[in-house]
C-alpha atoms as a PDB file:
ATOM      1  CA  MET A   1     144.790 118.230 143.620  1.00  0.00           C
ATOM      2  CA  GLU A   2     142.323 121.392 143.926  1.00  0.00           C
ATOM      3  CA  ALA A   3     144.051 124.102 146.893  1.00  0.00           C
ATOM      4  CA  PHE A   4     140.477 125.468 148.611  1.00  0.00           C
ATOM      5  CA  ALA A   5     140.233 128.844 149.982  1.00  0.00           C
ATOM      6  CA  ARG A   6     140.242 128.518 153.706  1.00  0.00           C
ATOM      7  CA  PRO A   7     136.772 129.961 154.746  1.00  0.00           C
ATOM      8  CA  ARG A   8     136.947 131.789 158.201  1.00  0.00           C
ATOM      9  CA  VAL A   9     133.721 131.054 160.241  1.00  0.00           C
ATOM     10  CA  VAL A  10     132.299 132.371 163.890  1.00  0.00           C
ATOM     11  CA  VAL A  11     130.880 129.345 165.319  1.00  0.00           C
ATOM     12  CA  SER A  12     129.669 128.992 168.634  1.00  0.00           C
ATOM     13  CA  LYS A  13     131.941 128.369 171.313  1.00  0.00           C
ATOM     14  CA  CYS A  14     129.985 125.867 173.066  1.00  0.00           C
ATOM     15  CA  LEU A  15     130.529 123.624 169.957  1.00  0.00           C
ATOM     16  CA  GLU A  16     134.030 121.602 169.986  1.00  0.00           C
ATOM     17  CA  PHE A  17     135.801 124.310 171.723  1.00  0.00           C
ATOM     18  CA  GLU A  18     135.168 124.917 174.994  1.00  0.00           C
ATOM     19  CA  ALA A  19     132.849 123.862 177.896  1.00  0.00           C
ATOM     20  CA  CYS A  20     130.706 127.072 178.110  1.00  0.00           C
ATOM     21  CA  ARG A  21     127.427 125.906 177.742  1.00  0.00           C
ATOM     22  CA  TYR A  22     124.648 127.245 180.571  1.00  0.00           C
ATOM     23  CA  ASN A  23     125.471 123.484 182.331  1.00  0.00           C
ATOM     24  CA  GLY A  24     128.836 123.618 182.159  1.00  0.00           C
ATOM     25  CA  ASP A  25     129.118 121.415 179.061  1.00  0.00           C
ATOM     26  CA  VAL A  26     131.172 121.362 175.693  1.00  0.00           C
ATOM     27  CA  ILE A  27     128.539 119.919 172.622  1.00  0.00           C
ATOM     28  CA  TYR A  28     131.277 117.464 170.470  1.00  0.00           C
ATOM     29  CA  ASN A  29     130.419 117.791 166.860  1.00  0.00           C
ATOM     30  CA  ASP A  30     131.879 115.908 164.173  1.00  0.00           C
ATOM     31  CA  VAL A  31     130.776 118.133 161.682  1.00  0.00           C
ATOM     32  CA  ILE A  32     133.095 121.039 163.307  1.00  0.00           C
ATOM     33  CA  LYS A  33     135.680 118.633 164.204  1.00  0.00           C
ATOM     34  CA  LYS A  34     136.204 117.643 160.421  1.00  0.00           C
ATOM     35  CA  LEU A  35     136.164 121.026 159.284  1.00  0.00           C
ATOM     36  CA  MET A  36     138.787 122.183 161.331  1.00  0.00           C
ATOM     37  CA  ASP A  37     141.363 121.136 159.044  1.00  0.00           C
ATOM     38  CA  TYR A  38     139.985 123.183 156.557  1.00  0.00           C
ATOM     39  CA  VAL A  39     138.188 126.394 158.336  1.00  0.00           C
ATOM     40  CA  ASP A  40     139.703 129.121 160.380  1.00  0.00           C
ATOM     41  CA  PHE A  41     137.296 128.918 163.107  1.00  0.00           C
ATOM     42  CA  VAL A  42     136.157 132.221 165.138  1.00  0.00           C
ATOM     43  CA  PRO A  43     134.196 130.924 168.131  1.00  0.00           C
ATOM     44  CA  VAL A  44     132.073 133.134 170.655  1.00  0.00           C
ATOM     45  CA  CYS A  45     129.692 132.589 173.260  1.00  0.00           C
ATOM     46  CA  PRO A  46     127.137 135.543 173.371  1.00  0.00           C
ATOM     47  CA  GLU A  47     125.651 134.355 176.979  1.00  0.00           C
ATOM     48  CA  VAL A  48     129.475 134.351 178.277  1.00  0.00           C
ATOM     49  CA  GLU A  49     130.418 137.446 176.727  1.00  0.00           C
ATOM     50  CA  ILE A  50     127.351 139.563 178.488  1.00  0.00           C
ATOM     51  CA  GLY A  51     128.788 137.913 181.932  1.00  0.00           C
ATOM     52  CA  LEU A  52     126.534 135.404 182.648  1.00  0.00           C
ATOM     53  CA  GLY A  53     129.474 132.742 183.451  1.00  0.00           C
ATOM     54  CA  THR A  54     129.643 129.192 183.527  1.00  0.00           C
ATOM     55  CA  PRO A  55     127.551 127.153 184.332  1.00  0.00           C
ATOM     56  CA  ARG A  56     124.709 129.418 184.322  1.00  0.00           C
ATOM     57  CA  GLU A  57     121.250 129.612 185.365  1.00  0.00           C
ATOM     58  CA  THR A  58     119.366 129.165 181.892  1.00  0.00           C
ATOM     59  CA  ILE A  59     117.612 131.733 180.223  1.00  0.00           C
ATOM     60  CA  ARG A  60     114.643 132.051 177.618  1.00  0.00           C
ATOM     61  CA  ILE A  61     112.728 134.391 175.008  1.00  0.00           C
ATOM     62  CA  VAL A  62     109.695 136.001 176.881  1.00  0.00           C
ATOM     63  CA  LYS A  63     107.018 137.256 174.655  1.00  0.00           C
ATOM     64  CA  LYS A  64     105.282 140.436 175.939  1.00  0.00           C
ATOM     65  CA  GLY A  65     102.807 142.320 173.428  1.00  0.00           C
ATOM     66  CA  GLU A  66     104.583 141.955 170.151  1.00  0.00           C
ATOM     67  CA  ASP A  67     108.426 142.293 171.546  1.00  0.00           C
ATOM     68  CA  HIS A  68     110.541 139.114 172.633  1.00  0.00           C
ATOM     69  CA  PHE A  69     112.685 139.571 175.688  1.00  0.00           C
ATOM     70  CA  LEU A  70     115.629 137.700 176.747  1.00  0.00           C
ATOM     71  CA  LEU A  71     114.751 136.722 180.527  1.00  0.00           C
ATOM     72  CA  GLN A  72     116.561 134.864 183.234  1.00  0.00           C
ATOM     73  CA  PRO A  73     113.513 132.763 184.668  1.00  0.00           C
ATOM     74  CA  SER A  74     115.329 132.128 188.269  1.00  0.00           C
ATOM     75  CA  THR A  75     116.430 135.532 189.021  1.00  0.00           C
ATOM     76  CA  GLN A  76     113.952 137.885 186.444  1.00  0.00           C
ATOM     77  CA  ARG A  77     116.805 139.383 185.208  1.00  0.00           C
ATOM     78  CA  ASP A  78     116.364 141.493 182.030  1.00  0.00           C
ATOM     79  CA  ILE A  79     119.103 140.854 179.526  1.00  0.00           C
ATOM     80  CA  THR A  80     117.231 141.755 176.348  1.00  0.00           C
ATOM     81  CA  ASN A  81     118.854 144.828 175.762  1.00  0.00           C
ATOM     82  CA  GLU A  82     122.879 143.627 177.021  1.00  0.00           C
ATOM     83  CA  MET A  83     122.360 141.075 174.128  1.00  0.00           C
ATOM     84  CA  ARG A  84     121.484 143.233 171.662  1.00  0.00           C
ATOM     85  CA  THR A  85     124.005 145.754 172.437  1.00  0.00           C
ATOM     86  CA  PHE A  86     126.807 142.919 172.318  1.00  0.00           C
ATOM     87  CA  SER A  87     125.471 141.846 169.358  1.00  0.00           C
ATOM     88  CA  ASP A  88     125.212 145.055 167.411  1.00  0.00           C
ATOM     89  CA  GLY A  89     129.052 145.682 168.766  1.00  0.00           C
ATOM     90  CA  TYR A  90     130.246 141.928 167.913  1.00  0.00           C
ATOM     91  CA  LEU A  91     129.000 141.843 164.509  1.00  0.00           C
ATOM     92  CA  ALA A  92     129.752 145.243 163.527  1.00  0.00           C
ATOM     93  CA  GLY A  93     133.393 144.628 164.253  1.00  0.00           C
ATOM     94  CA  ILE A  94     133.834 141.073 162.358  1.00  0.00           C
ATOM     95  CA  ILE A  95     135.846 141.437 159.018  1.00  0.00           C
ATOM     96  CA  ASP A  96     136.802 138.577 156.168  1.00  0.00           C
ATOM     97  CA  THR A  97     134.020 136.271 157.313  1.00  0.00           C
ATOM     98  CA  ASP A  98     132.382 133.739 155.490  1.00  0.00           C
ATOM     99  CA  GLY A  99     129.772 132.165 157.585  1.00  0.00           C
ATOM    100  CA  PHE A 100     128.720 131.450 160.583  1.00  0.00           C
ATOM    101  CA  ILE A 101     127.838 127.972 162.624  1.00  0.00           C
ATOM    102  CA  LEU A 102     125.324 128.346 165.446  1.00  0.00           C
ATOM    103  CA  LYS A 103     123.707 126.716 168.047  1.00  0.00           C
ATOM    104  CA  THR A 104     120.288 124.959 167.278  1.00  0.00           C
ATOM    105  CA  ARG A 105     117.669 125.935 169.368  1.00  0.00           C
ATOM    106  CA  SER A 106     119.707 128.958 171.675  1.00  0.00           C
ATOM    107  CA  PRO A 107     118.038 131.625 172.847  1.00  0.00           C
ATOM    108  CA  SER A 108     120.877 133.825 172.104  1.00  0.00           C
ATOM    109  CA  CYS A 109     122.549 132.059 168.982  1.00  0.00           C
ATOM    110  CA  GLY A 110     120.006 129.570 167.505  1.00  0.00           C
ATOM    111  CA  LEU A 111     118.584 130.968 163.766  1.00  0.00           C
ATOM    112  CA  LYS A 112     115.076 129.516 164.038  1.00  0.00           C
ATOM    113  CA  GLU A 113     112.653 127.196 165.849  1.00  0.00           C
ATOM    114  CA  VAL A 114     113.613 128.667 169.342  1.00  0.00           C
ATOM    115  CA  LYS A 115     111.183 127.625 171.817  1.00  0.00           C
ATOM    116  CA  VAL A 116     109.212 131.342 172.775  1.00  0.00           C
ATOM    117  CA  TYR A 117     107.444 131.617 175.841  1.00  0.00           C
ATOM    118  CA  ALA A 118     104.700 133.488 177.652  1.00  0.00           C
ATOM    119  CA  SER A 119     106.179 134.151 180.503  1.00  0.00           C
ATOM    120  CA  THR A 120     108.649 133.069 183.109  1.00  0.00           C
ATOM    121  CA  GLU A 121     106.391 131.178 184.877  1.00  0.00           C
ATOM    122  CA  LYS A 122     106.634 127.191 184.349  1.00  0.00           C
ATOM    123  CA  GLY A 123     104.443 126.406 181.117  1.00  0.00           C
ATOM    124  CA  PRO A 124     104.883 125.349 177.540  1.00  0.00           C
ATOM    125  CA  ALA A 125     105.841 127.480 174.817  1.00  0.00           C
ATOM    126  CA  ILE A 126     103.551 129.466 172.346  1.00  0.00           C
ATOM    127  CA  GLY A 127     105.719 129.352 169.395  1.00  0.00           C
ATOM    128  CA  HIS A 128     109.251 129.837 167.870  1.00  0.00           C
ATOM    129  CA  SER A 129     111.609 132.846 166.999  1.00  0.00           C
ATOM    130  CA  SER A 130     115.357 133.094 166.388  1.00  0.00           C
ATOM    131  CA  GLY A 131     117.517 134.248 169.278  1.00  0.00           C
ATOM    132  CA  LEU A 132     118.807 137.416 169.881  1.00  0.00           C
ATOM    133  CA  PHE A 133     122.493 136.997 168.359  1.00  0.00           C
ATOM    134  CA  GLY A 134     121.241 134.382 165.871  1.00  0.00           C
ATOM    135  CA  GLY A 135     118.276 136.951 164.446  1.00  0.00           C
ATOM    136  CA  ARG A 136     121.007 139.452 164.329  1.00  0.00           C
ATOM    137  CA  VAL A 137     123.343 136.943 162.520  1.00  0.00           C
ATOM    138  CA  ALA A 138     120.705 136.347 159.774  1.00  0.00           C
ATOM    139  CA  GLU A 139     119.420 139.961 159.631  1.00  0.00           C
ATOM    140  CA  LEU A 140     123.023 141.737 158.768  1.00  0.00           C
ATOM    141  CA  TYR A 141     124.568 138.780 157.236  1.00  0.00           C
ATOM    142  CA  SER A 142     122.229 136.513 155.147  1.00  0.00           C
ATOM    143  CA  HIS A 143     124.363 136.506 152.296  1.00  0.00           C
ATOM    144  CA  LEU A 144     126.600 134.343 153.820  1.00  0.00           C
ATOM    145  CA  ALA A 145     126.843 130.854 154.532  1.00  0.00           C
ATOM    146  CA  ILE A 146     125.254 130.108 157.998  1.00  0.00           C
ATOM    147  CA  GLU A 147     123.665 127.346 159.406  1.00  0.00           C
ATOM    148  CA  GLU A 148     123.032 125.418 162.775  1.00  0.00           C
ATOM    149  CA  GLU A 149     125.136 122.605 163.752  1.00  0.00           C
ATOM    150  CA  GLY A 150     122.123 120.110 164.095  1.00  0.00           C
ATOM    151  CA  ARG A 151     120.911 121.221 160.620  1.00  0.00           C
ATOM    152  CA  LEU A 152     124.273 120.308 158.974  1.00  0.00           C
ATOM    153  CA  ASN A 153     123.699 116.663 160.063  1.00  0.00           C
ATOM    154  CA  ASN A 154     121.563 116.433 156.821  1.00  0.00           C
ATOM    155  CA  PHE A 155     123.565 115.705 153.844  1.00  0.00           C
ATOM    156  CA  THR A 156     122.130 117.403 151.774  1.00  0.00           C
ATOM    157  CA  ILE A 157     121.786 121.133 154.031  1.00  0.00           C
ATOM    158  CA  ARG A 158     125.705 120.057 154.601  1.00  0.00           C
ATOM    159  CA  ASP A 159     126.745 120.017 150.989  1.00  0.00           C
ATOM    160  CA  ARG A 160     124.740 123.349 149.700  1.00  0.00           C
ATOM    161  CA  PHE A 161     125.916 125.078 153.058  1.00  0.00           C
ATOM    162  CA  TYR A 162     129.765 123.801 152.370  1.00  0.00           C
ATOM    163  CA  THR A 163     129.230 124.835 148.277  1.00  0.00           C
ATOM    164  CA  LYS A 164     128.137 128.232 149.661  1.00  0.00           C
ATOM    165  CA  LEU A 165     130.902 128.597 152.475  1.00  0.00           C
ATOM    166  CA  PHE A 166     133.844 127.615 150.474  1.00  0.00           C
ATOM    167  CA  THR A 167     132.535 129.866 147.027  1.00  0.00           C
ATOM    168  CA  LEU A 168     132.294 132.927 149.090  1.00  0.00           C
ATOM    169  CA  ALA A 169     135.616 131.993 150.766  1.00  0.00           C
ATOM    170  CA  ALA A 170     137.098 131.747 147.075  1.00  0.00           C
ATOM    171  CA  PHE A 171     135.563 134.950 146.139  1.00  0.00           C
ATOM    172  CA  ARG A 172     136.998 136.913 148.915  1.00  0.00           C
ATOM    173  CA  ASN A 173     140.577 135.537 148.438  1.00  0.00           C
ATOM    174  CA  ILE A 174     140.608 136.637 144.954  1.00  0.00           C
ATOM    175  CA  LEU A 175     138.777 140.101 145.168  1.00  0.00           C
ATOM    176  CA  PRO A 176     141.931 141.866 146.022  1.00  0.00           C
ATOM    177  CA  GLN A 177     143.817 140.552 142.857  1.00  0.00           C
ATOM    178  CA  GLY A 178     141.301 142.774 140.783  1.00  0.00           C
ATOM    179  CA  LEU A 179     139.347 142.114 137.645  1.00  0.00           C
ATOM    180  CA  GLN A 180     140.929 139.651 135.829  1.00  0.00           C
ATOM    181  CA  ALA A 181     141.430 137.477 138.578  1.00  0.00           C
ATOM    182  CA  ILE A 182     137.529 137.713 139.075  1.00  0.00           C
ATOM    183  CA  LYS A 183     136.984 136.633 135.574  1.00  0.00           C
ATOM    184  CA  SER A 184     139.037 133.540 135.995  1.00  0.00           C
ATOM    185  CA  PHE A 185     137.237 132.824 138.684  1.00  0.00           C
ATOM    186  CA  HIS A 186     133.943 133.320 137.021  1.00  0.00           C
ATOM    187  CA  GLU A 187     135.033 130.779 134.366  1.00  0.00           C
ATOM    188  CA  LYS A 188     135.673 127.990 136.995  1.00  0.00           C
ATOM    189  CA  ASN A 189     131.900 128.606 138.386  1.00  0.00           C
ATOM    190  CA  GLN A 190     130.138 129.038 135.179  1.00  0.00           C
ATOM    191  CA  PHE A 191     128.291 125.846 135.792  1.00  0.00           C
ATOM    192  CA  LEU A 192     127.693 125.941 139.485  1.00  0.00           C
ATOM    193  CA  PHE A 193     126.491 129.418 138.696  1.00  0.00           C
ATOM    194  CA  MET A 194     123.972 128.117 136.301  1.00  0.00           C
ATOM    195  CA  ALA A 195     122.903 125.104 138.376  1.00  0.00           C
ATOM    196  CA  TYR A 196     122.245 127.967 141.582  1.00  0.00           C
ATOM    197  CA  SER A 197     120.768 130.692 139.425  1.00  0.00           C
ATOM    198  CA  ASN A 198     120.930 130.699 135.451  1.00  0.00           C
ATOM    199  CA  PRO A 199     119.124 134.139 135.524  1.00  0.00           C
ATOM    200  CA  THR A 200     121.720 135.366 138.295  1.00  0.00           C
ATOM    201  CA  LEU A 201     124.888 134.075 135.977  1.00  0.00           C
ATOM    202  CA  LYS A 202     123.423 135.860 133.028  1.00  0.00           C
ATOM    203  CA  VAL A 203     123.666 139.180 135.245  1.00  0.00           C
ATOM    204  CA  MET A 204     127.285 138.708 136.026  1.00  0.00           C
ATOM    205  CA  ASN A 205     128.097 138.035 132.130  1.00  0.00           C
ATOM    206  CA  ARG A 206     126.583 140.853 131.609  1.00  0.00           C
ATOM    207  CA  ILE A 207     128.023 142.920 134.020  1.00  0.00           C
ATOM    208  CA  LEU A 208     131.545 141.107 132.813  1.00  0.00           C
ATOM    209  CA  LYS A 209     131.107 142.323 129.630  1.00  0.00           C
ATOM    210  CA  LYS A 210     130.370 146.422 130.340  1.00  0.00           C
ATOM    211  CA  GLU A 211     133.825 146.579 131.881  1.00  0.00           C
ATOM    212  CA  GLN A 212     134.663 149.576 129.666  1.00  0.00           C
ATOM    213  CA  GLU A 213     131.745 151.058 130.399  1.00  0.00           C
ATOM    214  CA  ASN A 214     131.611 151.048 133.787  1.00  0.00           C
ATOM    215  CA  GLY A 215     135.113 151.108 134.811  1.00  0.00           C
ATOM    216  CA  GLU A 216     137.055 148.234 136.737  1.00  0.00           C
ATOM    217  CA  GLU A 217     135.849 149.489 140.500  1.00  0.00           C
ATOM    218  CA  ARG A 218     132.106 149.986 139.475  1.00  0.00           C
ATOM    219  CA  THR A 219     132.437 146.433 137.921  1.00  0.00           C
ATOM    220  CA  ILE A 220     133.611 144.330 140.745  1.00  0.00           C
ATOM    221  CA  GLN A 221     131.044 146.508 142.970  1.00  0.00           C
ATOM    222  CA  LEU A 222     128.117 145.214 140.813  1.00  0.00           C
ATOM    223  CA  TYR A 223     129.705 141.656 140.293  1.00  0.00           C
ATOM    224  CA  ALA A 224     130.127 141.413 144.231  1.00  0.00           C
ATOM    225  CA  LYS A 225     126.615 142.791 144.630  1.00  0.00           C
ATOM    226  CA  ALA A 226     125.555 139.267 142.702  1.00  0.00           C
ATOM    227  CA  MET A 227     127.855 137.057 143.922  1.00  0.00           C
ATOM    228  CA  ASN A 228     125.530 138.368 147.463  1.00  0.00           C
ATOM    229  CA  LYS A 229     122.483 136.954 145.704  1.00  0.00           C
ATOM    230  CA  LEU A 230     123.476 133.731 143.854  1.00  0.00           C
ATOM    231  CA  PHE A 231     122.965 131.491 146.470  1.00  0.00           C
ATOM    232  CA  ASN A 232     119.637 132.734 147.706  1.00  0.00           C
ATOM    233  CA  ARG A 233     117.788 130.274 146.057  1.00  0.00           C
ATOM    234  CA  THR A 234     118.791 126.672 146.110  1.00  0.00           C
ATOM    235  CA  ALA A 235     119.923 124.712 143.475  1.00  0.00           C
ATOM    236  CA  ARG A 236     116.962 122.588 142.217  1.00  0.00           C
ATOM    237  CA  SER A 237     117.261 119.021 140.303  1.00  0.00           C
ATOM    238  CA  ASP A 238     115.865 120.018 137.115  1.00  0.00           C
ATOM    239  CA  SER A 239     118.615 122.951 137.507  1.00  0.00           C
ATOM    240  CA  ASN A 240     121.124 120.297 137.998  1.00  0.00           C
ATOM    241  CA  ARG A 241     119.952 117.978 134.859  1.00  0.00           C
ATOM    242  CA  LYS A 242     120.168 121.226 132.575  1.00  0.00           C
ATOM    243  CA  VAL A 243     123.674 121.891 133.316  1.00  0.00           C
ATOM    244  CA  ALA A 244     124.710 118.200 133.115  1.00  0.00           C
ATOM    245  CA  TYR A 245     123.103 118.332 129.589  1.00  0.00           C
ATOM    246  CA  GLU A 246     124.830 121.422 128.580  1.00  0.00           C
ATOM    247  CA  ILE A 247     128.052 119.620 129.981  1.00  0.00           C
ATOM    248  CA  PHE A 248     127.527 116.466 127.968  1.00  0.00           C
ATOM    249  CA  LYS A 249     126.469 118.408 124.426  1.00  0.00           C
ATOM    250  CA  LYS A 250     130.249 119.471 124.707  1.00  0.00           C
ATOM    251  CA  PHE A 251     131.005 115.411 124.192  1.00  0.00           C
ATOM    252  CA  GLN A 252     128.096 114.493 122.131  1.00  0.00           C
ATOM    253  CA  PRO A 253     129.171 114.933 118.851  1.00  0.00           C
ATOM    254  CA  HIS A 254     132.301 112.364 119.678  1.00  0.00           C
ATOM    255  CA  LEU A 255     130.136 109.758 121.638  1.00  0.00           C
ATOM    256  CA  SER A 256     128.322 106.590 120.302  1.00  0.00           C
ATOM    257  CA  ALA A 257     124.804 106.386 119.911  1.00  0.00           C
ATOM    258  CA  LYS A 258     124.768 103.870 122.485  1.00  0.00           C
ATOM    259  CA  GLU A 259     126.761 106.033 124.874  1.00  0.00           C
ATOM    260  CA  ILE A 260     124.226 108.911 124.420  1.00  0.00           C
ATOM    261  CA  ALA A 261     121.380 106.492 124.881  1.00  0.00           C
ATOM    262  CA  PHE A 262     123.134 105.225 128.227  1.00  0.00           C
ATOM    263  CA  PHE A 263     123.558 109.003 129.460  1.00  0.00           C
ATOM    264  CA  GLU A 264     120.434 110.344 128.507  1.00  0.00           C
ATOM    265  CA  GLU A 265     118.293 107.038 130.405  1.00  0.00           C
ATOM    266  CA  LEU A 266     120.843 108.035 133.440  1.00  0.00           C
ATOM    267  CA  LEU A 267     119.988 111.809 133.348  1.00  0.00           C
ATOM    268  CA  GLN A 268     116.172 110.481 133.505  1.00  0.00           C
ATOM    269  CA  LYS A 269     116.927 108.293 136.285  1.00  0.00           C
ATOM    270  CA  TYR A 270     117.861 110.948 137.945  1.00  0.00           C
ATOM    271  CA  ALA A 271     114.941 112.844 137.365  1.00  0.00           C
ATOM    272  CA  ASN A 272     113.185 109.757 138.818  1.00  0.00           C
ATOM    273  CA  LYS A 273     115.128 109.792 142.111  1.00  0.00           C
ATOM    274  CA  LYS A 274     116.399 106.580 140.917  1.00  0.00           C
ATOM    275  CA  GLU A 275     120.181 107.625 140.526  1.00  0.00           C
ATOM    276  CA  PRO A 276     122.065 109.931 142.706  1.00  0.00           C
ATOM    277  CA  PHE A 277     123.470 112.960 140.950  1.00  0.00           C
ATOM    278  CA  SER A 278     126.983 111.646 141.863  1.00  0.00           C
ATOM    279  CA  SER A 279     126.482 109.076 138.933  1.00  0.00           C
ATOM    280  CA  VAL A 280     125.716 111.204 136.736  1.00  0.00           C
ATOM    281  CA  ALA A 281     128.374 113.641 137.392  1.00  0.00           C
ATOM    282  CA  THR A 282     131.122 110.878 137.349  1.00  0.00           C
ATOM    283  CA  ILE A 283     130.272 110.016 133.590  1.00  0.00           C
ATOM    284  CA  LEU A 284     130.394 113.315 132.622  1.00  0.00           C
ATOM    285  CA  LYS A 285     134.013 113.942 134.337  1.00  0.00           C
ATOM    286  CA  SER A 286     135.033 110.465 132.725  1.00  0.00           C
ATOM    287  CA  HIS A 287     134.517 112.073 129.110  1.00  0.00           C
ATOM    288  CA  ALA A 288     136.399 115.247 130.040  1.00  0.00           C
ATOM    289  CA  ILE A 289     139.250 112.889 130.985  1.00  0.00           C
ATOM    290  CA  ARG A 290     138.718 110.698 128.335  1.00  0.00           C
ATOM    291  CA  PHE A 291     138.292 114.021 125.799  1.00  0.00           C
ATOM    292  CA  GLU A 292     141.207 115.978 127.592  1.00  0.00           C
ATOM    293  CA  ASP A 293     138.852 118.778 128.254  1.00  0.00           C
ATOM    294  CA  SER A 294     140.821 120.566 130.636  1.00  0.00           C
ATOM    295  CA  GLU A 295     138.097 123.418 130.876  1.00  0.00           C
ATOM    296  CA  ILE A 296     135.658 120.860 132.293  1.00  0.00           C
ATOM    297  CA  LEU A 297     137.611 119.677 134.397  1.00  0.00           C
ATOM    298  CA  GLY A 298     138.772 122.907 135.754  1.00  0.00           C
ATOM    299  CA  GLN A 299     134.642 123.550 136.895  1.00  0.00           C
ATOM    300  CA  THR A 300     133.756 123.708 140.422  1.00  0.00           C
ATOM    301  CA  PHE A 301     131.052 122.031 139.747  1.00  0.00           C
ATOM    302  CA  PHE A 302     132.236 118.660 140.067  1.00  0.00           C
ATOM    303  CA  ALA A 303     133.972 119.489 143.582  1.00  0.00           C
ATOM    304  CA  PRO A 304     133.238 122.801 144.979  1.00  0.00           C
ATOM    305  CA  TYR A 305     134.625 122.252 148.110  1.00  0.00           C
ATOM    306  CA  PRO A 306     137.172 119.352 149.601  1.00  0.00           C
ATOM    307  CA  GLU A 307     135.648 115.949 148.692  1.00  0.00           C
ATOM    308  CA  ILE A 308     137.144 114.581 151.652  1.00  0.00           C
ATOM    309  CA  LEU A 309     134.270 116.437 153.709  1.00  0.00           C
ATOM    310  CA  LEU A 310     131.805 113.907 151.972  1.00  0.00           C
ATOM    311  CA  GLU A 311     131.326 111.452 154.379  1.00  0.00           C
ATOM    312  CA  ILE A 312     131.108 107.374 153.029  1.00  0.00           C
ATOM    313  CA  SER A 313     128.019 107.410 154.293  1.00  0.00           C
ATOM    314  CA  ASP A 314     127.097 110.465 151.963  1.00  0.00           C
ATOM    315  CA  SER A 315     128.253 108.723 148.920  1.00  0.00           C
ATOM    316  CA  GLY A 316     125.077 107.105 147.857  1.00  0.00           C
ATOM    317  CA  LYS A 317     123.534 110.644 147.903  1.00  0.00           C
ATOM    318  CA  GLY A 318     125.146 112.200 145.238  1.00  0.00           C
ATOM    319  CA  ARG A 319     124.956 116.080 145.338  1.00  0.00           C
ATOM    320  CA  ASP A 320     121.527 116.223 144.809  1.00  0.00           C
ATOM    321  CA  TYR A 321     120.793 119.913 145.692  1.00  0.00           C
END
């Protein structure tokens, strides 16, 4: 059984951890609950940290001119500077962190779709933005795995988040072991990286080849920088197909014409959204087992995170990035 690195994730404290929401509630979340056995969570509630207490009067983002302010309508209190000071101080102090799971639409923690108002008076929202804490997280740590808990109910979004989160945790764990460990990590992730960004993979390959020229320390720095860019784009269906075919080519000379035709037909069905990618991956893995290809079987492309995190209801959807 593959041993996965244990990610460290900053999470909004009201999600499963403490009854600290503005109305004194705790929000129960199945995704976070299931992750607890595989992730080290660091709960935080910015609103409580700046002394608002629980329960508390609601706060909202108000637009004045071009600026956003965090105000408490019932008291007319302006907590903008307090929240910004806390956010900067707290985020400057986090270490060994791989990701964030933040409260959806919260004026402090929300990453997007947080309502913006024209004033503290009753009235409809005039737009949407990020919360003050969540926005700062996005600015400073865009290279990490960051999501809102509401969006993680979507299988595809959750799968991307898990993939990035556990890959970053694995990389953080092997960094202190030096360049040889990084090379082994790179080999195991070749096809996963190819699916996300083949151009970035090529850059990473060149960086490792220039070890003698740049020296170990510089090579590691350049590789880490490339890793931060790798997940900037989402792996697409056509990327998955290309990677699948690259793997398939290793087995093709040993297969019958009917087996080859069957796989090509399956790949086309996936392209036409008539088959989940899990069907394609299963065929590839079965060939790797049949031909005892340990290199392919060891690729994280097939299981970038603990498979137990997949729900039974997700099984028919496959890993269609």
